[in-house]
Amino acid sequence: MPEDITPMRIAAISLRPEIAVSASTDPERVQRLVEKAHQGCFIANSLNTDVSVRPTIEIGEQVGDGA
């Protein structure tokens, strides 16, 4: 929060969600869905500050392989 601007306000919000998906998931699709969700987010759209979303997408093992 910058102290030289009054009243003091939050200048920016950075969200860093960690998303775990199975090996069969397309990480580009996950990224597109995150962006779509952020664009339609009521809370982010209601704020008078920049909100950025920088997800970490972790590709896991194949789910449902019969093991």
Protein backbone atom coordinates (compact mmCIF):
# COMPACT_ATOMS: atom_id res chain seq x y z
CA MET A 1 0.00 0.00 0.00
CA PRO A 2 1.54 3.30 -1.01
CA GLU A 3 1.85 5.63 1.96
CA ASP A 4 2.14 8.81 -0.12
CA ILE A 5 -1.47 8.59 -1.35
CA THR A 6 -4.27 9.45 1.07
CA PRO A 7 -6.44 7.84 2.02
CA MET A 8 -4.14 4.81 2.03
CA ARG A 9 -5.39 2.13 -0.36
CA ILE A 10 -4.34 -1.24 -1.68
CA ALA A 11 -2.56 -0.57 -4.98
CA ALA A 12 -2.71 -4.09 -6.44
CA ILE A 13 -3.76 -7.63 -5.58
CA SER A 14 -1.89 -10.64 -6.92
CA LEU A 15 -3.47 -14.09 -6.57
CA ARG A 16 -1.26 -17.15 -7.02
CA PRO A 17 -3.49 -20.24 -6.95
CA GLU A 18 -1.90 -23.69 -7.14
CA ILE A 19 -3.94 -25.94 -9.40
CA ALA A 20 -3.28 -29.71 -9.52
CA VAL A 21 -4.68 -31.62 -12.49
CA SER A 22 -4.31 -35.12 -13.91
CA ALA A 23 -1.82 -35.95 -16.65
CA SER A 24 -4.62 -36.08 -19.23
CA THR A 25 -5.55 -32.44 -18.64
CA ASP A 26 -4.52 -29.78 -21.14
CA PRO A 27 -2.70 -27.06 -19.14
CA GLU A 28 -3.54 -24.45 -21.80
CA ARG A 29 -7.24 -25.21 -21.28
CA VAL A 30 -6.80 -24.78 -17.53
CA GLN A 31 -5.13 -21.40 -18.14
CA ARG A 32 -8.01 -20.32 -20.41
CA LEU A 33 -10.57 -21.36 -17.77
CA VAL A 34 -8.70 -19.42 -15.07
CA GLU A 35 -8.71 -16.32 -17.28
CA LYS A 36 -12.42 -16.75 -18.07
CA ALA A 37 -13.24 -17.15 -14.37
CA HIS A 38 -11.21 -14.06 -13.50
CA GLN A 39 -12.93 -11.97 -16.19
CA GLY A 40 -16.34 -12.93 -14.81
CA CYS A 41 -15.40 -12.62 -11.13
CA PHE A 42 -17.88 -10.36 -9.34
CA ILE A 43 -15.43 -9.51 -6.55
CA ALA A 44 -12.50 -8.67 -8.85
CA ASN A 45 -14.78 -6.58 -11.06
CA SER A 46 -16.13 -4.72 -8.01
CA LEU A 47 -12.72 -3.59 -6.75
CA ASN A 48 -11.12 -0.28 -7.62
CA THR A 49 -7.63 -1.80 -7.89
CA ASP A 50 -5.76 -4.10 -10.24
CA VAL A 51 -6.21 -7.82 -9.56
CA SER A 52 -3.91 -10.27 -11.32
CA VAL A 53 -4.12 -14.06 -11.28
CA ARG A 54 -0.89 -16.02 -11.78
CA PRO A 55 -1.69 -19.70 -11.39
CA THR A 56 0.80 -22.53 -11.00
CA ILE A 57 -0.52 -25.59 -12.82
CA GLU A 58 0.84 -28.89 -11.57
CA ILE A 59 0.40 -31.86 -13.87
CA GLY A 60 -0.07 -35.04 -11.85
CA GLU A 61 -0.35 -38.70 -12.65
CA GLN A 62 -2.96 -40.20 -14.92
CA VAL A 63 -6.23 -40.51 -13.01
CA GLY A 64 -8.44 -43.57 -13.48
CA ASP A 65 -5.77 -45.89 -14.83
CA GLY A 66 -7.42 -48.89 -13.15
CA ALA A 67 -4.81 -49.25 -10.41
